[in-house]
PDB file of N, CA and C in Angstrom:
ATOM      1  N   UNK A   1       0.601 -18.174  23.993  1.00  0.00           N
ATOM      2  CA  UNK A   1       1.321 -18.106  22.744  1.00  0.00           C
ATOM      3  C   UNK A   1       1.264 -16.672  22.204  1.00  0.00           C
ATOM      4  N   UNK A   2       2.389 -16.185  21.738  1.00  0.00           N
ATOM      5  CA  UNK A   2       2.508 -14.813  21.258  1.00  0.00           C
ATOM      6  C   UNK A   2       2.047 -14.713  19.802  1.00  0.00           C
ATOM      7  N   UNK A   3       1.215 -13.721  19.520  1.00  0.00           N
ATOM      8  CA  UNK A   3       0.721 -13.554  18.158  1.00  0.00           C
ATOM      9  C   UNK A   3       1.765 -12.837  17.302  1.00  0.00           C
ATOM     10  N   UNK A   4       1.584 -12.934  15.987  1.00  0.00           N
ATOM     11  CA  UNK A   4       2.507 -12.290  15.044  1.00  0.00           C
ATOM     12  C   UNK A   4       2.476 -10.777  15.214  1.00  0.00           C
ATOM     13  N   UNK A   5       1.299 -10.232  15.464  1.00  0.00           N
ATOM     14  CA  UNK A   5       1.177  -8.778  15.638  1.00  0.00           C
ATOM     15  C   UNK A   5       1.965  -8.312  16.865  1.00  0.00           C
ATOM     16  N   UNK A   6       1.918  -9.083  17.944  1.00  0.00           N
ATOM     17  CA  UNK A   6       2.659  -8.699  19.149  1.00  0.00           C
ATOM     18  C   UNK A   6       4.168  -8.763  18.901  1.00  0.00           C
ATOM     19  N   UNK A   7       4.631  -9.766  18.133  1.00  0.00           N
ATOM     20  CA  UNK A   7       6.047  -9.862  17.811  1.00  0.00           C
ATOM     21  C   UNK A   7       6.497  -8.671  16.986  1.00  0.00           C
ATOM     22  N   UNK A   8       5.656  -8.264  16.022  1.00  0.00           N
ATOM     23  CA  UNK A   8       5.995  -7.116  15.175  1.00  0.00           C
ATOM     24  C   UNK A   8       6.030  -5.844  16.013  1.00  0.00           C
ATOM     25  N   UNK A   9       5.047  -5.662  16.899  1.00  0.00           N
ATOM     26  CA  UNK A   9       5.028  -4.471  17.738  1.00  0.00           C
ATOM     27  C   UNK A   9       6.240  -4.430  18.651  1.00  0.00           C
ATOM     28  N   UNK A  10       6.626  -5.589  19.191  1.00  0.00           N
ATOM     29  CA  UNK A  10       7.799  -5.638  20.052  1.00  0.00           C
ATOM     30  C   UNK A  10       9.050  -5.337  19.233  1.00  0.00           C
ATOM     31  N   UNK A  11       9.123  -5.881  18.019  1.00  0.00           N
ATOM     32  CA  UNK A  11      10.284  -5.661  17.164  1.00  0.00           C
ATOM     33  C   UNK A  11      10.415  -4.184  16.792  1.00  0.00           C
ATOM     34  N   UNK A  12       9.289  -3.522  16.475  1.00  0.00           N
ATOM     35  CA  UNK A  12       9.384  -2.125  16.067  1.00  0.00           C
ATOM     36  C   UNK A  12       9.819  -1.234  17.223  1.00  0.00           C
ATOM     37  N   UNK A  13       9.528  -1.623  18.444  1.00  0.00           N
ATOM     38  CA  UNK A  13       9.899  -0.788  19.570  1.00  0.00           C
ATOM     39  C   UNK A  13      11.381  -0.915  19.909  1.00  0.00           C
ATOM     40  N   UNK A  14      12.053  -1.947  19.446  1.00  0.00           N
ATOM     41  CA  UNK A  14      13.461  -2.132  19.774  1.00  0.00           C
ATOM     42  C   UNK A  14      14.366  -2.042  18.550  1.00  0.00           C
ATOM     43  N   UNK A  15      13.867  -1.536  17.441  1.00  0.00           N
ATOM     44  CA  UNK A  15      14.687  -1.413  16.234  1.00  0.00           C
ATOM     45  C   UNK A  15      15.705  -0.297  16.400  1.00  0.00           C
ATOM     46  N   UNK A  16      16.938  -0.600  16.069  1.00  0.00           N
ATOM     47  CA  UNK A  16      17.977   0.423  16.080  1.00  0.00           C
ATOM     48  C   UNK A  16      17.896   1.241  14.795  1.00  0.00           C
ATOM     49  N   UNK A  17      18.648   2.323  14.761  1.00  0.00           N
ATOM     50  CA  UNK A  17      18.659   3.165  13.561  1.00  0.00           C
ATOM     51  C   UNK A  17      19.140   2.367  12.350  1.00  0.00           C
ATOM     52  N   UNK A  18      20.157   1.533  12.539  1.00  0.00           N
ATOM     53  CA  UNK A  18      20.700   0.729  11.450  1.00  0.00           C
ATOM     54  C   UNK A  18      19.660  -0.276  10.945  1.00  0.00           C
ATOM     55  N   UNK A  19      18.909  -0.888  11.851  1.00  0.00           N
ATOM     56  CA  UNK A  19      17.856  -1.829  11.453  1.00  0.00           C
ATOM     57  C   UNK A  19      16.741  -1.112  10.702  1.00  0.00           C
ATOM     58  N   UNK A  20      16.423   0.097  11.124  1.00  0.00           N
ATOM     59  CA  UNK A  20      15.398   0.881  10.431  1.00  0.00           C
ATOM     60  C   UNK A  20      15.849   1.213   9.009  1.00  0.00           C
ATOM     61  N   UNK A  21      17.102   1.613   8.864  1.00  0.00           N
ATOM     62  CA  UNK A  21      17.627   1.922   7.529  1.00  0.00           C
ATOM     63  C   UNK A  21      17.633   0.686   6.641  1.00  0.00           C
ATOM     64  N   UNK A  22      17.973  -0.462   7.219  1.00  0.00           N
ATOM     65  CA  UNK A  22      17.962  -1.718   6.467  1.00  0.00           C
ATOM     66  C   UNK A  22      16.529  -2.058   6.026  1.00  0.00           C
ATOM     67  N   UNK A  23      15.565  -1.843   6.909  1.00  0.00           N
ATOM     68  CA  UNK A  23      14.169  -2.121   6.577  1.00  0.00           C
ATOM     69  C   UNK A  23      13.674  -1.180   5.481  1.00  0.00           C
ATOM     70  N   UNK A  24      14.070   0.081   5.548  1.00  0.00           N
ATOM     71  CA  UNK A  24      13.677   1.050   4.515  1.00  0.00           C
ATOM     72  C   UNK A  24      14.210   0.619   3.154  1.00  0.00           C
ATOM     73  N   UNK A  25      15.473   0.198   3.111  1.00  0.00           N
ATOM     74  CA  UNK A  25      16.059  -0.275   1.850  1.00  0.00           C
ATOM     75  C   UNK A  25      15.345  -1.520   1.336  1.00  0.00           C
ATOM     76  N   UNK A  26      15.013  -2.427   2.247  1.00  0.00           N
ATOM     77  CA  UNK A  26      14.303  -3.658   1.871  1.00  0.00           C
ATOM     78  C   UNK A  26      12.941  -3.322   1.260  1.00  0.00           C
ATOM     79  N   UNK A  27      12.212  -2.393   1.875  1.00  0.00           N
ATOM     80  CA  UNK A  27      10.904  -1.993   1.365  1.00  0.00           C
ATOM     81  C   UNK A  27      11.038  -1.306   0.009  1.00  0.00           C
ATOM     82  N   UNK A  28      12.053  -0.458  -0.150  1.00  0.00           N
ATOM     83  CA  UNK A  28      12.259   0.240  -1.425  1.00  0.00           C
ATOM     84  C   UNK A  28      12.595  -0.758  -2.532  1.00  0.00           C
ATOM     85  N   UNK A  29      13.477  -1.707  -2.260  1.00  0.00           N
ATOM     86  CA  UNK A  29      13.838  -2.714  -3.262  1.00  0.00           C
ATOM     87  C   UNK A  29      12.637  -3.558  -3.659  1.00  0.00           C
ATOM     88  N   UNK A  30      11.823  -3.937  -2.690  1.00  0.00           N
ATOM     89  CA  UNK A  30      10.636  -4.740  -2.988  1.00  0.00           C
ATOM     90  C   UNK A  30       9.639  -3.952  -3.837  1.00  0.00           C
ATOM     91  N   UNK A  31       9.488  -2.669  -3.550  1.00  0.00           N
ATOM     92  CA  UNK A  31       8.570  -1.825  -4.321  1.00  0.00           C
ATOM     93  C   UNK A  31       9.072  -1.639  -5.753  1.00  0.00           C
ATOM     94  N   UNK A  32      10.362  -1.416  -5.914  1.00  0.00           N
ATOM     95  CA  UNK A  32      10.932  -1.280  -7.265  1.00  0.00           C
ATOM     96  C   UNK A  32      10.789  -2.586  -8.036  1.00  0.00           C
ATOM     97  N   UNK A  33      10.999  -3.716  -7.356  1.00  0.00           N
ATOM     98  CA  UNK A  33      10.829  -5.024  -8.004  1.00  0.00           C
ATOM     99  C   UNK A  33       9.396  -5.209  -8.485  1.00  0.00           C
ATOM    100  N   UNK A  34       8.424  -4.845  -7.654  1.00  0.00           N
ATOM    101  CA  UNK A  34       7.021  -4.951  -8.069  1.00  0.00           C
ATOM    102  C   UNK A  34       6.735  -4.040  -9.257  1.00  0.00           C
ATOM    103  N   UNK A  35       7.296  -2.845  -9.260  1.00  0.00           N
ATOM    104  CA  UNK A  35       7.116  -1.936 -10.400  1.00  0.00           C
ATOM    105  C   UNK A  35       7.670  -2.556 -11.681  1.00  0.00           C
ATOM    106  N   UNK A  36       8.861  -3.144 -11.603  1.00  0.00           N
ATOM    107  CA  UNK A  36       9.479  -3.756 -12.785  1.00  0.00           C
ATOM    108  C   UNK A  36       8.631  -4.929 -13.282  1.00  0.00           C
ATOM    109  N   UNK A  37       8.111  -5.735 -12.362  1.00  0.00           N
ATOM    110  CA  UNK A  37       7.245  -6.858 -12.748  1.00  0.00           C
ATOM    111  C   UNK A  37       6.007  -6.331 -13.472  1.00  0.00           C
ATOM    112  N   UNK A  38       5.391  -5.289 -12.919  1.00  0.00           N
ATOM    113  CA  UNK A  38       4.193  -4.718 -13.554  1.00  0.00           C
ATOM    114  C   UNK A  38       4.516  -4.119 -14.921  1.00  0.00           C
ATOM    115  N   UNK A  39       5.643  -3.428 -15.036  1.00  0.00           N
ATOM    116  CA  UNK A  39       6.038  -2.835 -16.309  1.00  0.00           C
ATOM    117  C   UNK A  39       6.267  -3.908 -17.368  1.00  0.00           C
ATOM    118  N   UNK A  40       7.014  -4.951 -16.999  1.00  0.00           N
ATOM    119  CA  UNK A  40       7.286  -6.037 -17.954  1.00  0.00           C
ATOM    120  C   UNK A  40       5.986  -6.737 -18.344  1.00  0.00           C
ATOM    121  N   UNK A  41       5.101  -6.966 -17.384  1.00  0.00           N
ATOM    122  CA  UNK A  41       3.800  -7.586 -17.670  1.00  0.00           C
ATOM    123  C   UNK A  41       3.038  -6.731 -18.684  1.00  0.00           C
ATOM    124  N   UNK A  42       2.923  -5.433 -18.397  1.00  0.00           N
ATOM    125  CA  UNK A  42       2.124  -4.540 -19.236  1.00  0.00           C
ATOM    126  C   UNK A  42       2.700  -4.449 -20.657  1.00  0.00           C
ATOM    127  N   UNK A  43       3.965  -4.150 -20.766  1.00  0.00           N
ATOM    128  CA  UNK A  43       4.589  -3.989 -22.081  1.00  0.00           C
ATOM    129  C   UNK A  43       4.687  -5.334 -22.805  1.00  0.00           C
ATOM    130  N   UNK A  44       5.016  -6.385 -22.075  1.00  0.00           N
ATOM    131  CA  UNK A  44       5.152  -7.706 -22.687  1.00  0.00           C
ATOM    132  C   UNK A  44       3.870  -8.189 -23.332  1.00  0.00           C
ATOM    133  N   UNK A  45       2.754  -8.091 -22.607  1.00  0.00           N
ATOM    134  CA  UNK A  45       1.489  -8.532 -23.190  1.00  0.00           C
ATOM    135  C   UNK A  45       0.985  -7.557 -24.256  1.00  0.00           C
ATOM    136  N   UNK A  46       1.223  -6.262 -24.071  1.00  0.00           N
ATOM    137  CA  UNK A  46       0.755  -5.282 -25.058  1.00  0.00           C
ATOM    138  C   UNK A  46       1.442  -5.488 -26.403  1.00  0.00           C
ATOM    139  N   UNK A  47       2.746  -5.653 -26.396  1.00  0.00           N
ATOM    140  CA  UNK A  47       3.470  -5.833 -27.651  1.00  0.00           C
ATOM    141  C   UNK A  47       3.530  -7.287 -28.092  1.00  0.00           C
ATOM    142  N   UNK A  48       3.567  -8.200 -27.131  1.00  0.00           N
ATOM    143  CA  UNK A  48       3.683  -9.613 -27.474  1.00  0.00           C
ATOM    144  C   UNK A  48       2.448 -10.206 -28.120  1.00  0.00           C
ATOM    145  N   UNK A  49       1.273  -9.737 -27.728  1.00  0.00           N
ATOM    146  CA  UNK A  49       0.023 -10.296 -28.259  1.00  0.00           C
ATOM    147  C   UNK A  49      -0.690  -9.358 -29.227  1.00  0.00           C
ATOM    148  N   UNK A  50      -0.116  -8.221 -29.514  1.00  0.00           N
ATOM    149  CA  UNK A  50      -0.837  -7.239 -30.334  1.00  0.00           C
ATOM    150  C   UNK A  50      -1.082  -7.699 -31.760  1.00  0.00           C
ATOM    151  N   UNK A  51      -0.262  -8.563 -32.303  1.00  0.00           N
ATOM    152  CA  UNK A  51      -0.435  -8.990 -33.687  1.00  0.00           C
ATOM    153  C   UNK A  51      -1.210 -10.284 -33.852  1.00  0.00           C
ATOM    154  N   UNK A  52      -1.707 -10.866 -32.756  1.00  0.00           N
ATOM    155  CA  UNK A  52      -2.371 -12.164 -32.856  1.00  0.00           C
ATOM    156  C   UNK A  52      -3.809 -12.063 -33.353  1.00  0.00           C
ATOM    157  N   UNK A  53      -4.485 -10.978 -33.078  1.00  0.00           N
ATOM    158  CA  UNK A  53      -5.874 -10.827 -33.505  1.00  0.00           C
ATOM    159  C   UNK A  53      -6.871 -11.575 -32.626  1.00  0.00           C
ATOM    160  N   UNK A  54      -6.419 -12.187 -31.524  1.00  0.00           N
ATOM    161  CA  UNK A  54      -7.325 -12.902 -30.615  1.00  0.00           C
ATOM    162  C   UNK A  54      -8.185 -11.906 -29.850  1.00  0.00           C
ATOM    163  N   UNK A  55      -9.462 -12.295 -29.666  1.00  0.00           N
ATOM    164  CA  UNK A  55     -10.393 -11.416 -28.958  1.00  0.00           C
ATOM    165  C   UNK A  55     -11.220 -12.221 -27.963  1.00  0.00           C
ATOM    166  N   UNK A  56     -11.577 -11.558 -26.875  1.00  0.00           N
ATOM    167  CA  UNK A  56     -12.498 -12.121 -25.881  1.00  0.00           C
ATOM    168  C   UNK A  56     -13.557 -11.063 -25.629  1.00  0.00           C
ATOM    169  N   UNK A  57     -14.795 -11.401 -25.919  1.00  0.00           N
ATOM    170  CA  UNK A  57     -15.887 -10.458 -25.721  1.00  0.00           C
ATOM    171  C   UNK A  57     -15.765  -9.212 -26.568  1.00  0.00           C
ATOM    172  N   UNK A  58     -15.162  -9.299 -27.719  1.00  0.00           N
ATOM    173  CA  UNK A  58     -15.010  -8.164 -28.611  1.00  0.00           C
ATOM    174  C   UNK A  58     -13.807  -7.285 -28.284  1.00  0.00           C
ATOM    175  N   UNK A  59     -13.089  -7.598 -27.215  1.00  0.00           N
ATOM    176  CA  UNK A  59     -11.901  -6.829 -26.845  1.00  0.00           C
ATOM    177  C   UNK A  59     -10.648  -7.622 -27.201  1.00  0.00           C
ATOM    178  N   UNK A  60      -9.629  -6.949 -27.684  1.00  0.00           N
ATOM    179  CA  UNK A  60      -8.393  -7.669 -28.026  1.00  0.00           C
ATOM    180  C   UNK A  60      -7.769  -8.292 -26.772  1.00  0.00           C
ATOM    181  N   UNK A  61      -7.231  -9.497 -26.926  1.00  0.00           N
ATOM    182  CA  UNK A  61      -6.625 -10.217 -25.807  1.00  0.00           C
ATOM    183  C   UNK A  61      -5.435  -9.443 -25.235  1.00  0.00           C
ATOM    184  N   UNK A  62      -4.650  -8.806 -26.105  1.00  0.00           N
ATOM    185  CA  UNK A  62      -3.494  -8.067 -25.612  1.00  0.00           C
ATOM    186  C   UNK A  62      -3.913  -6.961 -24.661  1.00  0.00           C
ATOM    187  N   UNK A  63      -5.036  -6.299 -24.956  1.00  0.00           N
ATOM    188  CA  UNK A  63      -5.501  -5.220 -24.090  1.00  0.00           C
ATOM    189  C   UNK A  63      -6.001  -5.762 -22.757  1.00  0.00           C
ATOM    190  N   UNK A  64      -6.767  -6.849 -22.803  1.00  0.00           N
ATOM    191  CA  UNK A  64      -7.293  -7.433 -21.565  1.00  0.00           C
ATOM    192  C   UNK A  64      -6.181  -7.888 -20.623  1.00  0.00           C
ATOM    193  N   UNK A  65      -5.134  -8.477 -21.179  1.00  0.00           N
ATOM    194  CA  UNK A  65      -4.048  -8.956 -20.334  1.00  0.00           C
ATOM    195  C   UNK A  65      -3.102  -7.844 -19.905  1.00  0.00           C
ATOM    196  N   UNK A  66      -2.929  -6.829 -20.730  1.00  0.00           N
ATOM    197  CA  UNK A  66      -1.957  -5.800 -20.373  1.00  0.00           C
ATOM    198  C   UNK A  66      -2.538  -4.713 -19.478  1.00  0.00           C
ATOM    199  N   UNK A  67      -3.734  -4.241 -19.765  1.00  0.00           N
ATOM    200  CA  UNK A  67      -4.251  -3.101 -19.007  1.00  0.00           C
ATOM    201  C   UNK A  67      -4.984  -3.514 -17.734  1.00  0.00           C
ATOM    202  N   UNK A  68      -6.130  -4.213 -17.797  1.00  0.00           N
ATOM    203  CA  UNK A  68      -6.744  -4.656 -16.535  1.00  0.00           C
ATOM    204  C   UNK A  68      -5.889  -5.717 -15.838  1.00  0.00           C
ATOM    205  N   UNK A  69      -5.143  -6.490 -16.624  1.00  0.00           N
ATOM    206  CA  UNK A  69      -4.303  -7.540 -16.049  1.00  0.00           C
ATOM    207  C   UNK A  69      -3.212  -6.993 -15.154  1.00  0.00           C
ATOM    208  N   UNK A  70      -2.564  -5.910 -15.572  1.00  0.00           N
ATOM    209  CA  UNK A  70      -1.494  -5.328 -14.764  1.00  0.00           C
ATOM    210  C   UNK A  70      -2.058  -4.747 -13.467  1.00  0.00           C
ATOM    211  N   UNK A  71      -3.290  -4.267 -13.499  1.00  0.00           N
ATOM    212  CA  UNK A  71      -3.929  -3.768 -12.280  1.00  0.00           C
ATOM    213  C   UNK A  71      -4.095  -4.904 -11.273  1.00  0.00           C
ATOM    214  N   UNK A  72      -4.548  -6.045 -11.735  1.00  0.00           N
ATOM    215  CA  UNK A  72      -4.726  -7.201 -10.856  1.00  0.00           C
ATOM    216  C   UNK A  72      -3.375  -7.679 -10.312  1.00  0.00           C
ATOM    217  N   UNK A  73      -2.362  -7.724 -11.169  1.00  0.00           N
ATOM    218  CA  UNK A  73      -1.021  -8.118 -10.725  1.00  0.00           C
ATOM    219  C   UNK A  73      -0.506  -7.141  -9.666  1.00  0.00           C
ATOM    220  N   UNK A  74      -0.725  -5.848  -9.873  1.00  0.00           N
ATOM    221  CA  UNK A  74      -0.265  -4.837  -8.917  1.00  0.00           C
ATOM    222  C   UNK A  74      -0.967  -4.988  -7.566  1.00  0.00           C
ATOM    223  N   UNK A  75      -2.270  -5.240  -7.574  1.00  0.00           N
ATOM    224  CA  UNK A  75      -3.012  -5.390  -6.322  1.00  0.00           C
ATOM    225  C   UNK A  75      -2.545  -6.633  -5.570  1.00  0.00           C
ATOM    226  N   UNK A  76      -2.363  -7.736  -6.271  1.00  0.00           N
ATOM    227  CA  UNK A  76      -1.871  -8.966  -5.632  1.00  0.00           C
ATOM    228  C   UNK A  76      -0.458  -8.744  -5.102  1.00  0.00           C
ATOM    229  N   UNK A  77       0.396  -8.108  -5.895  1.00  0.00           N
ATOM    230  CA  UNK A  77       1.763  -7.819  -5.456  1.00  0.00           C
ATOM    231  C   UNK A  77       1.795  -6.914  -4.239  1.00  0.00           C
ATOM    232  N   UNK A  78       0.931  -5.917  -4.221  1.00  0.00           N
ATOM    233  CA  UNK A  78       0.859  -5.008  -3.082  1.00  0.00           C
ATOM    234  C   UNK A  78       0.415  -5.749  -1.822  1.00  0.00           C
ATOM    235  N   UNK A  79      -0.568  -6.629  -1.957  1.00  0.00           N
ATOM    236  CA  UNK A  79      -1.018  -7.407  -0.798  1.00  0.00           C
ATOM    237  C   UNK A  79       0.118  -8.276  -0.249  1.00  0.00           C
ATOM    238  N   UNK A  80       0.907  -8.863  -1.138  1.00  0.00           N
ATOM    239  CA  UNK A  80       2.049  -9.681  -0.706  1.00  0.00           C
ATOM    240  C   UNK A  80       3.093  -8.811  -0.008  1.00  0.00           C
ATOM    241  N   UNK A  81       3.385  -7.641  -0.568  1.00  0.00           N
ATOM    242  CA  UNK A  81       4.355  -6.745   0.063  1.00  0.00           C
ATOM    243  C   UNK A  81       3.891  -6.319   1.454  1.00  0.00           C
ATOM    244  N   UNK A  82       2.612  -5.997   1.586  1.00  0.00           N
ATOM    245  CA  UNK A  82       2.103  -5.560   2.879  1.00  0.00           C
ATOM    246  C   UNK A  82       2.171  -6.671   3.921  1.00  0.00           C
ATOM    247  N   UNK A  83       1.944  -7.900   3.506  1.00  0.00           N
ATOM    248  CA  UNK A  83       1.977  -9.027   4.448  1.00  0.00           C
ATOM    249  C   UNK A  83       3.387  -9.478   4.783  1.00  0.00           C
ATOM    250  N   UNK A  84       4.282  -9.479   3.789  1.00  0.00           N
ATOM    251  CA  UNK A  84       5.582 -10.127   3.959  1.00  0.00           C
ATOM    252  C   UNK A  84       6.760  -9.166   4.145  1.00  0.00           C
ATOM    253  N   UNK A  85       6.665  -7.932   3.639  1.00  0.00           N
ATOM    254  CA  UNK A  85       7.843  -7.068   3.606  1.00  0.00           C
ATOM    255  C   UNK A  85       7.714  -5.858   4.522  1.00  0.00           C
ATOM    256  N   UNK A  86       6.619  -5.138   4.423  1.00  0.00           N
ATOM    257  CA  UNK A  86       6.483  -3.874   5.134  1.00  0.00           C
ATOM    258  C   UNK A  86       6.254  -4.081   6.622  1.00  0.00           C
ATOM    259  N   UNK A  87       6.894  -3.223   7.423  1.00  0.00           N
ATOM    260  CA  UNK A  87       6.738  -3.218   8.877  1.00  0.00           C
ATOM    261  C   UNK A  87       6.402  -1.790   9.286  1.00  0.00           C
ATOM    262  N   UNK A  88       5.464  -1.643  10.188  1.00  0.00           N
ATOM    263  CA  UNK A  88       5.092  -0.328  10.682  1.00  0.00           C
ATOM    264  C   UNK A  88       6.050   0.051  11.817  1.00  0.00           C
ATOM    265  N   UNK A  89       6.844   1.104  11.602  1.00  0.00           N
ATOM    266  CA  UNK A  89       7.748   1.571  12.645  1.00  0.00           C
ATOM    267  C   UNK A  89       7.903   3.074  12.531  1.00  0.00           C
ATOM    268  N   UNK A  90       8.301   3.673  13.627  1.00  0.00           N
ATOM    269  CA  UNK A  90       8.491   5.117  13.661  1.00  0.00           C
ATOM    270  C   UNK A  90       9.862   5.465  13.104  1.00  0.00           C
ATOM    271  N   UNK A  91       9.934   6.501  12.303  1.00  0.00           N
ATOM    272  CA  UNK A  91      11.210   6.948  11.761  1.00  0.00           C
ATOM    273  C   UNK A  91      11.966   7.846  12.739  1.00  0.00           C
ATOM    274  N   UNK A  92      11.285   8.303  13.776  1.00  0.00           N
ATOM    275  CA  UNK A  92      11.919   9.157  14.774  1.00  0.00           C
ATOM    276  C   UNK A  92      12.859   8.345  15.643  1.00  0.00           C
ATOM    277  N   UNK A  93      13.953   8.966  16.031  1.00  0.00           N
ATOM    278  CA  UNK A  93      14.852   8.355  17.006  1.00  0.00           C
ATOM    279  C   UNK A  93      14.350   8.731  18.387  1.00  0.00           C
ATOM    280  N   UNK A  94      13.991   7.743  19.164  1.00  0.00           N
ATOM    281  CA  UNK A  94      13.439   8.002  20.489  1.00  0.00           C
ATOM    282  C   UNK A  94      14.486   8.572  21.436  1.00  0.00           C
ATOM    283  N   UNK A  95      15.755   8.294  21.181  1.00  0.00           N
ATOM    284  CA  UNK A  95      16.805   8.734  22.091  1.00  0.00           C
ATOM    285  C   UNK A  95      17.248  10.170  21.828  1.00  0.00           C
ATOM    286  N   UNK A  96      17.004  10.667  20.629  1.00  0.00           N
ATOM    287  CA  UNK A  96      17.441  12.019  20.290  1.00  0.00           C
ATOM    288  C   UNK A  96      16.315  13.011  20.530  1.00  0.00           C
ATOM    289  N   UNK A  97      16.674  14.183  21.055  1.00  0.00           N
ATOM    290  CA  UNK A  97      15.702  15.238  21.288  1.00  0.00           C
ATOM    291  C   UNK A  97      15.696  16.168  20.082  1.00  0.00           C
ATOM    292  N   UNK A  98      14.533  16.508  19.599  1.00  0.00           N
ATOM    293  CA  UNK A  98      14.427  17.393  18.440  1.00  0.00           C
ATOM    294  C   UNK A  98      14.779  18.811  18.881  1.00  0.00           C
ATOM    295  N   UNK A  99      15.701  19.500  18.168  1.00  0.00           N
ATOM    296  CA  UNK A  99      16.142  20.824  18.612  1.00  0.00           C
ATOM    297  C   UNK A  99      15.044  21.884  18.590  1.00  0.00           C
ATOM    298  N   UNK A 100      14.041  21.735  17.746  1.00  0.00           N
ATOM    299  CA  UNK A 100      12.984  22.747  17.671  1.00  0.00           C
ATOM    300  C   UNK A 100      11.968  22.595  18.798  1.00  0.00           C
ATOM    301  N   UNK A 101      11.928  21.421  19.432  1.00  0.00           N
ATOM    302  CA  UNK A 101      10.960  21.160  20.489  1.00  0.00           C
ATOM    303  C   UNK A 101      11.667  20.595  21.721  1.00  0.00           C
ATOM    304  N   UNK A 102      12.380  21.427  22.451  1.00  0.00           N
ATOM    305  CA  UNK A 102      13.093  20.921  23.625  1.00  0.00           C
ATOM    306  C   UNK A 102      12.109  20.440  24.687  1.00  0.00           C
ATOM    307  N   UNK A 103      12.499  19.400  25.389  1.00  0.00           N
ATOM    308  CA  UNK A 103      11.648  18.831  26.436  1.00  0.00           C
ATOM    309  C   UNK A 103      11.555  19.762  27.650  1.00  0.00           C
ATOM    310  N   UNK A 104      12.679  20.398  27.994  1.00  0.00           N
ATOM    311  CA  UNK A 104      12.714  21.243  29.192  1.00  0.00           C
ATOM    312  C   UNK A 104      13.310  22.599  28.840  1.00  0.00           C
ATOM    313  N   UNK A 105      12.934  23.588  29.620  1.00  0.00           N
ATOM    314  CA  UNK A 105      13.529  24.902  29.471  1.00  0.00           C
ATOM    315  C   UNK A 105      12.853  25.763  28.444  1.00  0.00           C
ATOM    316  N   UNK A 106      11.685  25.385  27.975  1.00  0.00           N
ATOM    317  CA  UNK A 106      10.968  26.174  26.996  1.00  0.00           C
ATOM    318  C   UNK A 106      10.303  27.385  27.645  1.00  0.00           C
ATOM    319  N   UNK A 107       9.681  28.213  26.840  1.00  0.00           N
ATOM    320  CA  UNK A 107       9.033  29.428  27.355  1.00  0.00           C
ATOM    321  C   UNK A 107       7.865  29.096  28.256  1.00  0.00           C
ATOM    322  N   UNK A 108       7.202  27.972  28.035  1.00  0.00           N
ATOM    323  CA  UNK A 108       6.017  27.633  28.818  1.00  0.00           C
ATOM    324  C   UNK A 108       6.354  27.319  30.265  1.00  0.00           C
ATOM    325  N   UNK A 109       7.589  26.927  30.544  1.00  0.00           N
ATOM    326  CA  UNK A 109       7.956  26.537  31.907  1.00  0.00           C
ATOM    327  C   UNK A 109       8.444  27.708  32.733  1.00  0.00           C
ATOM    328  N   UNK A 110       8.635  28.872  32.164  1.00  0.00           N
ATOM    329  CA  UNK A 110       9.181  29.993  32.918  1.00  0.00           C
ATOM    330  C   UNK A 110       8.137  30.676  33.726  1.00  0.00           C
TER     331      UNK A 110
END
């Protein structure tokens, strides 16, 4: 039975340029979405609970939920993105030769 890691490694080795660009856009959209979720969480709890006067351990509830809370949300969101969205692949095109580093005909071969 093939493991998930082997499937991902096989997939990254056969990704076309178009698939790589699609994956880059997918990762960027997911990262922006996580940022928006964290921003709304932070601002929502900071302003939404600031007038309640509720406290836990001498600290205002709005601060506990907005500041350390957004850190926890970000870490959980990042773990989800790493597991479900991000794929490790090379951005280099294997078929194209880089003009600054020719494979043959360089000074070292003369």
